[in-house]
């Protein structure tokens, strides 16, 4: 049977338990169609690139599917009718990824780094207070320069 990766995005105002219920319902649709779900990953509530049906965020779920095309077509049809599903994407692949997907792996790297505020050992940004005032270069434009410098410019 062909292999598919299927991602769907649910609205931001549904709970995680409801998303898990949707996933179970969609899994039964695939099983009734003669297929199996190899892996299910909940990627969490993530920001969308742009507003979709007045939503700025969505619950992302990945399904690795091993099923005939008719079962996947039925899954997509039911998701189009479902009011809580914003978007879907189904790709036919030659083989499924082993282990976690790259999205979950990158999330683990971000957690180890400490988030955005951590400089990661690259030092301070060199803001105010790192050097005495007289050592700092003077930044000024032509209009704010002292009179003697303006007349020569």
N, C-alpha and C. Protein backbone atom coordinates (compact mmCIF):
# COMPACT_ATOMS: atom_id res chain seq x y z
N UNK A 1 0.84 -1.19 0.00
CA UNK A 1 0.00 0.00 0.00
C UNK A 1 0.88 1.25 0.00
N UNK A 2 0.38 2.35 -0.54
CA UNK A 2 1.17 3.58 -0.56
C UNK A 2 1.31 4.17 0.85
N UNK A 3 2.39 4.92 1.04
CA UNK A 3 2.66 5.58 2.32
C UNK A 3 2.39 7.07 2.17
N UNK A 4 1.79 7.65 3.20
CA UNK A 4 1.46 9.07 3.19
C UNK A 4 1.88 9.72 4.50
N UNK A 5 2.24 11.01 4.41
CA UNK A 5 2.37 11.86 5.59
C UNK A 5 1.23 12.85 5.51
N UNK A 6 0.45 12.93 6.56
CA UNK A 6 -0.73 13.80 6.58
C UNK A 6 -0.63 14.72 7.78
N UNK A 7 -0.76 16.02 7.55
CA UNK A 7 -0.74 17.01 8.62
C UNK A 7 -2.05 17.77 8.57
N UNK A 8 -2.66 17.94 9.74
CA UNK A 8 -3.83 18.81 9.80
C UNK A 8 -3.66 19.82 10.92
N UNK A 9 -4.32 20.97 10.73
CA UNK A 9 -4.24 22.07 11.70
C UNK A 9 -5.65 22.32 12.21
N UNK A 10 -5.82 22.25 13.53
CA UNK A 10 -7.11 22.51 14.16
C UNK A 10 -7.12 23.93 14.72
N UNK A 11 -8.31 24.47 14.91
CA UNK A 11 -8.45 25.84 15.42
C UNK A 11 -7.77 26.00 16.78
N UNK A 12 -7.39 27.25 17.08
CA UNK A 12 -6.67 27.55 18.32
C UNK A 12 -7.55 27.47 19.56
N UNK A 13 -8.85 27.64 19.41
CA UNK A 13 -9.71 27.68 20.60
C UNK A 13 -10.25 26.32 21.02
N UNK A 14 -9.88 25.24 20.32
CA UNK A 14 -10.25 23.91 20.80
C UNK A 14 -9.17 23.42 21.75
N UNK A 15 -9.54 22.55 22.67
CA UNK A 15 -8.58 22.06 23.65
C UNK A 15 -7.74 20.92 23.07
N UNK A 16 -6.67 20.60 23.76
CA UNK A 16 -5.80 19.52 23.31
C UNK A 16 -6.54 18.18 23.36
N UNK A 17 -7.42 18.00 24.33
CA UNK A 17 -8.20 16.76 24.41
C UNK A 17 -9.12 16.62 23.20
N UNK A 18 -9.71 17.73 22.76
CA UNK A 18 -10.56 17.67 21.58
C UNK A 18 -9.75 17.31 20.33
N UNK A 19 -8.53 17.83 20.25
CA UNK A 19 -7.66 17.51 19.12
C UNK A 19 -7.32 16.02 19.13
N UNK A 20 -7.07 15.48 20.31
CA UNK A 20 -6.81 14.04 20.42
C UNK A 20 -8.04 13.23 20.00
N UNK A 21 -9.22 13.71 20.31
CA UNK A 21 -10.46 13.05 19.88
C UNK A 21 -10.59 13.09 18.37
N UNK A 22 -10.27 14.25 17.75
CA UNK A 22 -10.29 14.34 16.29
C UNK A 22 -9.33 13.33 15.68
N UNK A 23 -8.14 13.23 16.27
CA UNK A 23 -7.13 12.31 15.77
C UNK A 23 -7.61 10.87 15.84
N UNK A 24 -8.26 10.50 16.95
CA UNK A 24 -8.80 9.15 17.07
C UNK A 24 -9.89 8.89 16.04
N UNK A 25 -10.75 9.89 15.80
CA UNK A 25 -11.81 9.74 14.81
C UNK A 25 -11.21 9.55 13.41
N UNK A 26 -10.19 10.32 13.09
CA UNK A 26 -9.56 10.21 11.77
C UNK A 26 -8.81 8.89 11.63
N UNK A 27 -8.28 8.39 12.75
CA UNK A 27 -7.60 7.10 12.72
C UNK A 27 -8.60 5.98 12.41
N UNK A 28 -9.79 6.06 12.98
CA UNK A 28 -10.81 5.04 12.69
C UNK A 28 -11.24 5.10 11.23
N UNK A 29 -11.27 6.29 10.63
CA UNK A 29 -11.62 6.41 9.21
C UNK A 29 -10.60 5.66 8.36
N UNK A 30 -9.32 5.82 8.69
CA UNK A 30 -8.26 5.14 7.94
C UNK A 30 -8.36 3.62 8.14
N UNK A 31 -8.60 3.19 9.39
CA UNK A 31 -8.68 1.75 9.67
C UNK A 31 -9.88 1.11 8.98
N UNK A 32 -11.00 1.83 8.92
CA UNK A 32 -12.18 1.31 8.22
C UNK A 32 -11.93 1.21 6.73
N UNK A 33 -11.05 2.06 6.21
CA UNK A 33 -10.71 2.03 4.79
C UNK A 33 -9.66 0.99 4.44
N UNK A 34 -9.18 0.26 5.44
CA UNK A 34 -8.22 -0.80 5.18
C UNK A 34 -6.77 -0.39 5.36
N UNK A 35 -6.52 0.69 6.05
CA UNK A 35 -5.16 1.16 6.26
C UNK A 35 -4.75 1.14 7.72
N UNK A 36 -3.54 1.58 7.97
CA UNK A 36 -3.02 1.67 9.34
C UNK A 36 -2.33 3.01 9.53
N UNK A 37 -2.24 3.42 10.78
CA UNK A 37 -1.51 4.63 11.16
C UNK A 37 -0.21 4.17 11.79
N UNK A 38 0.92 4.50 11.15
CA UNK A 38 2.22 4.08 11.66
C UNK A 38 2.68 4.94 12.83
N UNK A 39 2.40 6.25 12.77
CA UNK A 39 2.85 7.16 13.83
C UNK A 39 1.93 8.36 13.89
N UNK A 40 1.70 8.83 15.11
CA UNK A 40 0.93 10.04 15.34
C UNK A 40 1.75 10.97 16.22
N UNK A 41 1.90 12.22 15.79
CA UNK A 41 2.64 13.21 16.58
C UNK A 41 1.79 14.47 16.74
N UNK A 42 1.67 14.90 17.98
CA UNK A 42 1.03 16.18 18.26
C UNK A 42 2.13 17.21 18.41
N UNK A 43 2.17 18.20 17.51
CA UNK A 43 3.23 19.20 17.52
C UNK A 43 2.91 20.39 18.41
N UNK A 44 1.70 20.48 18.90
CA UNK A 44 1.35 21.55 19.83
C UNK A 44 0.67 22.72 19.15
N UNK A 45 0.43 23.75 19.95
CA UNK A 45 -0.18 24.98 19.47
C UNK A 45 0.92 25.87 18.91
N UNK A 46 0.90 26.11 17.61
CA UNK A 46 1.96 26.86 16.94
C UNK A 46 1.37 28.04 16.20
N UNK A 47 2.18 29.05 15.99
CA UNK A 47 1.75 30.23 15.24
C UNK A 47 1.64 29.91 13.76
N UNK A 48 0.63 30.48 13.12
CA UNK A 48 0.47 30.35 11.68
C UNK A 48 1.22 31.47 10.98
N UNK A 49 1.60 31.28 9.75
CA UNK A 49 2.32 32.31 9.01
C UNK A 49 1.42 33.50 8.71
N UNK A 50 0.13 33.27 8.58
CA UNK A 50 -0.84 34.33 8.33
C UNK A 50 -2.18 33.87 8.91
N UNK A 51 -3.10 34.79 9.06
CA UNK A 51 -4.41 34.46 9.62
C UNK A 51 -5.16 33.51 8.69
N UNK A 52 -5.74 32.48 9.26
CA UNK A 52 -6.58 31.54 8.52
C UNK A 52 -7.91 31.48 9.24
N UNK A 53 -8.95 31.95 8.59
CA UNK A 53 -10.29 31.98 9.17
C UNK A 53 -10.28 32.63 10.55
N UNK A 54 -9.62 33.78 10.63
CA UNK A 54 -9.52 34.62 11.84
C UNK A 54 -8.71 33.97 12.97
N UNK A 55 -7.89 32.98 12.67
CA UNK A 55 -7.05 32.32 13.67
C UNK A 55 -5.59 32.66 13.41
N UNK A 56 -4.87 33.00 14.48
CA UNK A 56 -3.44 33.28 14.38
C UNK A 56 -2.59 32.06 14.77
N UNK A 57 -3.19 31.10 15.46
CA UNK A 57 -2.49 29.90 15.90
C UNK A 57 -3.32 28.68 15.56
N UNK A 58 -2.69 27.50 15.66
CA UNK A 58 -3.40 26.27 15.39
C UNK A 58 -2.71 25.08 16.03
N UNK A 59 -3.48 24.04 16.29
CA UNK A 59 -2.94 22.78 16.82
C UNK A 59 -2.51 21.93 15.63
N UNK A 60 -1.24 21.58 15.58
CA UNK A 60 -0.69 20.79 14.47
C UNK A 60 -0.60 19.32 14.87
N UNK A 61 -1.00 18.43 13.95
CA UNK A 61 -0.92 16.99 14.17
C UNK A 61 -0.39 16.32 12.89
N UNK A 62 0.58 15.42 13.06
CA UNK A 62 1.14 14.65 11.95
C UNK A 62 0.69 13.20 12.06
N UNK A 63 0.25 12.62 10.94
CA UNK A 63 -0.12 11.22 10.87
C UNK A 63 0.70 10.57 9.76
N UNK A 64 1.40 9.49 10.07
CA UNK A 64 2.05 8.67 9.06
C UNK A 64 1.10 7.54 8.72
N UNK A 65 0.64 7.51 7.48
CA UNK A 65 -0.44 6.63 7.07
C UNK A 65 0.07 5.60 6.05
N UNK A 66 -0.37 4.36 6.22
CA UNK A 66 -0.13 3.29 5.26
C UNK A 66 -1.51 2.78 4.87
N UNK A 67 -2.04 3.32 3.78
CA UNK A 67 -3.44 3.02 3.41
C UNK A 67 -3.64 3.21 1.92
N UNK A 68 -4.71 2.60 1.38
CA UNK A 68 -5.03 2.85 -0.03
C UNK A 68 -5.52 4.28 -0.23
N UNK A 69 -5.45 4.71 -1.48
CA UNK A 69 -5.83 6.10 -1.79
C UNK A 69 -7.27 6.41 -1.40
N UNK A 70 -8.16 5.46 -1.54
CA UNK A 70 -9.58 5.72 -1.24
C UNK A 70 -9.78 6.06 0.24
N UNK A 71 -9.01 5.43 1.13
CA UNK A 71 -9.12 5.74 2.56
C UNK A 71 -8.62 7.15 2.85
N UNK A 72 -7.53 7.54 2.21
CA UNK A 72 -6.98 8.88 2.42
C UNK A 72 -7.91 9.93 1.83
N UNK A 73 -8.53 9.62 0.69
CA UNK A 73 -9.49 10.55 0.09
C UNK A 73 -10.70 10.75 1.01
N UNK A 74 -11.15 9.69 1.64
CA UNK A 74 -12.27 9.79 2.59
C UNK A 74 -11.87 10.61 3.81
N UNK A 75 -10.65 10.43 4.30
CA UNK A 75 -10.14 11.22 5.42
C UNK A 75 -10.14 12.70 5.07
N UNK A 76 -9.62 13.04 3.90
CA UNK A 76 -9.58 14.45 3.48
C UNK A 76 -10.98 15.02 3.31
N UNK A 77 -11.91 14.22 2.79
CA UNK A 77 -13.29 14.69 2.61
C UNK A 77 -13.93 15.02 3.95
N UNK A 78 -13.73 14.13 4.94
CA UNK A 78 -14.32 14.39 6.25
C UNK A 78 -13.67 15.59 6.94
N UNK A 79 -12.39 15.79 6.72
CA UNK A 79 -11.73 16.94 7.33
C UNK A 79 -12.19 18.25 6.70
N UNK A 80 -12.49 18.24 5.41
CA UNK A 80 -13.01 19.45 4.76
C UNK A 80 -14.36 19.84 5.31
N UNK A 81 -15.15 18.84 5.73
CA UNK A 81 -16.47 19.11 6.29
C UNK A 81 -16.41 19.52 7.76
N UNK A 82 -15.31 19.22 8.43
CA UNK A 82 -15.16 19.47 9.86
C UNK A 82 -14.87 20.96 10.07
N UNK A 83 -15.67 21.63 10.90
CA UNK A 83 -15.52 23.08 11.08
C UNK A 83 -14.31 23.46 11.93
N UNK A 84 -13.77 22.55 12.72
CA UNK A 84 -12.63 22.86 13.57
C UNK A 84 -11.28 22.63 12.89
N UNK A 85 -11.27 22.07 11.70
CA UNK A 85 -10.03 21.82 10.96
C UNK A 85 -9.81 22.99 10.00
N UNK A 86 -8.67 23.67 10.14
CA UNK A 86 -8.37 24.83 9.30
C UNK A 86 -7.73 24.42 7.97
N UNK A 87 -6.70 23.62 8.02
CA UNK A 87 -5.95 23.23 6.83
C UNK A 87 -5.50 21.77 6.94
N UNK A 88 -5.29 21.14 5.77
CA UNK A 88 -4.73 19.80 5.73
C UNK A 88 -3.68 19.75 4.62
N UNK A 89 -2.76 18.82 4.76
CA UNK A 89 -1.75 18.58 3.73
C UNK A 89 -1.43 17.09 3.74
N UNK A 90 -1.53 16.45 2.57
CA UNK A 90 -1.21 15.04 2.45
C UNK A 90 -0.14 14.88 1.37
N UNK A 91 0.94 14.20 1.74
CA UNK A 91 2.03 13.95 0.81
C UNK A 91 2.26 12.46 0.70
N UNK A 92 2.47 11.98 -0.51
CA UNK A 92 2.83 10.58 -0.71
C UNK A 92 4.35 10.49 -0.61
N UNK A 93 4.83 9.58 0.22
CA UNK A 93 6.27 9.44 0.45
C UNK A 93 6.71 8.02 0.11
N UNK A 94 8.01 7.85 -0.13
CA UNK A 94 8.52 6.51 -0.43
C UNK A 94 8.72 5.70 0.84
N UNK A 95 9.08 6.39 1.94
CA UNK A 95 9.20 5.70 3.23
C UNK A 95 8.97 6.71 4.35
N UNK A 96 8.56 6.21 5.51
CA UNK A 96 8.33 7.07 6.66
C UNK A 96 9.62 7.32 7.42
N UNK A 97 9.70 8.47 8.07
CA UNK A 97 10.85 8.78 8.93
C UNK A 97 10.84 7.88 10.15
N UNK A 98 12.02 7.47 10.57
CA UNK A 98 12.14 6.73 11.82
C UNK A 98 12.34 7.72 12.96
N UNK A 99 11.77 7.45 14.11
CA UNK A 99 11.93 8.33 15.27
C UNK A 99 11.06 9.57 15.15
N UNK A 100 11.48 10.62 15.87
CA UNK A 100 10.72 11.86 15.88
C UNK A 100 10.90 12.62 14.57
N UNK A 101 9.90 13.42 14.24
CA UNK A 101 10.00 14.27 13.06
C UNK A 101 10.96 15.43 13.34
N UNK A 102 11.35 16.12 12.30
CA UNK A 102 12.30 17.23 12.46
C UNK A 102 11.71 18.37 13.28
N UNK A 103 10.41 18.54 13.26
CA UNK A 103 9.77 19.60 14.05
C UNK A 103 9.98 19.34 15.54
N UNK A 104 9.76 18.12 15.98
CA UNK A 104 9.95 17.81 17.40
C UNK A 104 11.43 17.81 17.78
N UNK A 105 12.31 17.42 16.87
CA UNK A 105 13.74 17.45 17.15
C UNK A 105 14.22 18.88 17.32
N UNK A 106 13.76 19.80 16.48
CA UNK A 106 14.19 21.19 16.60
C UNK A 106 13.64 21.83 17.87
N UNK A 107 12.46 21.40 18.30
CA UNK A 107 11.91 21.92 19.55
C UNK A 107 12.79 21.52 20.73
N UNK A 108 13.33 20.31 20.70
CA UNK A 108 14.23 19.85 21.75
C UNK A 108 15.51 20.66 21.78
N UNK A 109 16.03 21.04 20.62
CA UNK A 109 17.24 21.88 20.57
C UNK A 109 16.97 23.24 21.17
N UNK A 110 15.81 23.83 20.88
CA UNK A 110 15.48 25.15 21.43
C UNK A 110 15.39 25.10 22.94
N UNK A 111 14.85 24.00 23.49
CA UNK A 111 14.73 23.89 24.93
C UNK A 111 16.10 23.80 25.60
N UNK A 112 17.04 23.12 24.96
CA UNK A 112 18.38 22.98 25.55
C UNK A 112 19.13 24.30 25.53
N UNK A 113 18.89 25.12 24.51
CA UNK A 113 19.60 26.38 24.40
C UNK A 113 19.14 27.39 25.43
N UNK A 114 17.93 27.28 25.87
CA UNK A 114 17.43 28.21 26.87
C UNK A 114 16.53 29.28 26.30
N UNK A 115 16.14 29.18 25.08
CA UNK A 115 15.21 30.13 24.50
C UNK A 115 15.91 31.29 23.82
N UNK A 116 15.16 32.33 23.50
CA UNK A 116 15.68 33.46 22.75
C UNK A 116 16.58 34.37 23.56
N UNK A 117 16.34 34.49 24.85
CA UNK A 117 17.07 35.45 25.66
C UNK A 117 18.50 35.01 25.96
N UNK A 118 18.76 33.73 25.86
CA UNK A 118 20.10 33.23 26.14
C UNK A 118 21.01 33.54 24.96
N UNK A 119 22.18 34.12 25.21
CA UNK A 119 23.11 34.49 24.15
C UNK A 119 23.92 33.31 23.66
N UNK A 120 23.82 32.15 24.29
CA UNK A 120 24.50 30.96 23.82
C UNK A 120 26.01 31.05 23.88
N UNK A 121 26.57 31.73 24.86
CA UNK A 121 28.01 31.83 25.00
C UNK A 121 28.66 32.80 24.03
N UNK A 122 27.86 33.66 23.38
CA UNK A 122 28.42 34.59 22.41
C UNK A 122 28.74 35.94 23.01
N UNK A 123 28.62 36.08 24.31
CA UNK A 123 28.96 37.34 24.95
C UNK A 123 27.82 38.32 24.99
N UNK A 124 28.11 39.49 25.59
CA UNK A 124 27.13 40.54 25.73
C UNK A 124 27.00 41.30 24.41
N UNK A 125 25.92 42.02 24.23
CA UNK A 125 25.71 42.78 23.01
C UNK A 125 26.51 44.08 23.00
N UNK A 126 27.10 44.46 24.10
CA UNK A 126 27.89 45.68 24.13
C UNK A 126 27.04 46.93 24.25
N UNK A 127 25.97 46.85 24.99
CA UNK A 127 25.09 48.01 25.15
C UNK A 127 25.68 49.02 26.12
N UNK A 128 24.83 49.91 26.60
CA UNK A 128 25.27 50.97 27.49
C UNK A 128 25.89 50.39 28.75
N UNK A 129 26.90 51.05 29.24
CA UNK A 129 27.48 50.68 30.50
C UNK A 129 28.64 49.71 30.41
N UNK A 130 28.95 49.21 29.23
CA UNK A 130 30.07 48.28 29.15
C UNK A 130 31.40 49.01 29.00
N UNK A 131 31.37 50.29 28.56
CA UNK A 131 32.59 51.11 28.44
C UNK A 131 32.33 52.46 29.10
N UNK A 132 33.38 53.11 29.55
CA UNK A 132 33.18 54.47 30.08
C UNK A 132 32.68 55.40 28.98
N UNK A 133 31.98 56.45 29.35
CA UNK A 133 31.36 57.35 28.40
C UNK A 133 32.36 57.99 27.44
N UNK A 134 33.53 58.38 27.92
CA UNK A 134 34.48 59.06 27.04
C UNK A 134 35.08 58.14 25.99
N UNK A 135 35.02 56.84 26.19
CA UNK A 135 35.55 55.91 25.21
C UNK A 135 34.55 55.58 24.11
N UNK A 136 33.30 55.92 24.29
CA UNK A 136 32.29 55.61 23.29
C UNK A 136 32.41 56.57 22.11
N UNK A 137 32.22 56.09 20.88
CA UNK A 137 32.26 57.01 19.73
C UNK A 137 31.03 57.89 19.72
N UNK A 138 31.21 59.13 19.22
CA UNK A 138 30.08 60.06 19.11
C UNK A 138 29.36 59.80 17.81
N UNK A 139 28.09 59.53 17.90
CA UNK A 139 27.27 59.35 16.70
C UNK A 139 26.40 60.57 16.54
N UNK A 140 26.54 61.29 15.44
CA UNK A 140 25.69 62.44 15.19
C UNK A 140 25.55 62.62 13.69
N UNK A 141 24.46 63.24 13.33
CA UNK A 141 24.27 63.56 11.92
C UNK A 141 24.73 64.99 11.67
N UNK A 142 24.63 65.47 10.46
CA UNK A 142 25.16 66.78 10.07
C UNK A 142 24.49 67.91 10.84
N UNK A 143 23.18 67.82 11.08
CA UNK A 143 22.46 68.91 11.74
C UNK A 143 22.76 68.99 13.23
N UNK A 144 23.13 67.89 13.86
CA UNK A 144 23.37 67.92 15.30
C UNK A 144 24.86 68.12 15.62
N UNK A 145 25.70 68.27 14.60
CA UNK A 145 27.13 68.46 14.84
C UNK A 145 27.39 69.85 15.42
N UNK A 146 28.49 70.02 16.15
CA UNK A 146 28.84 71.34 16.64
C UNK A 146 29.03 72.33 15.49
N UNK A 147 28.89 73.64 15.79
CA UNK A 147 28.89 74.69 14.76
C UNK A 147 30.17 74.66 13.91
N UNK A 148 31.32 74.49 14.51
CA UNK A 148 32.58 74.52 13.75
C UNK A 148 32.61 73.38 12.74
N UNK A 149 32.11 72.23 13.11
CA UNK A 149 32.11 71.10 12.18
C UNK A 149 31.08 71.28 11.06
N UNK A 150 29.95 71.95 11.35
CA UNK A 150 28.94 72.18 10.34
C UNK A 150 29.42 73.16 9.27
N UNK A 151 30.18 74.18 9.67
CA UNK A 151 30.63 75.17 8.71
C UNK A 151 31.66 74.58 7.76
N UNK A 152 32.44 73.62 8.20
CA UNK A 152 33.44 73.04 7.31
C UNK A 152 32.84 71.96 6.43
N UNK A 153 31.73 71.43 6.78
CA UNK A 153 31.15 70.33 6.01
C UNK A 153 30.41 70.80 4.79
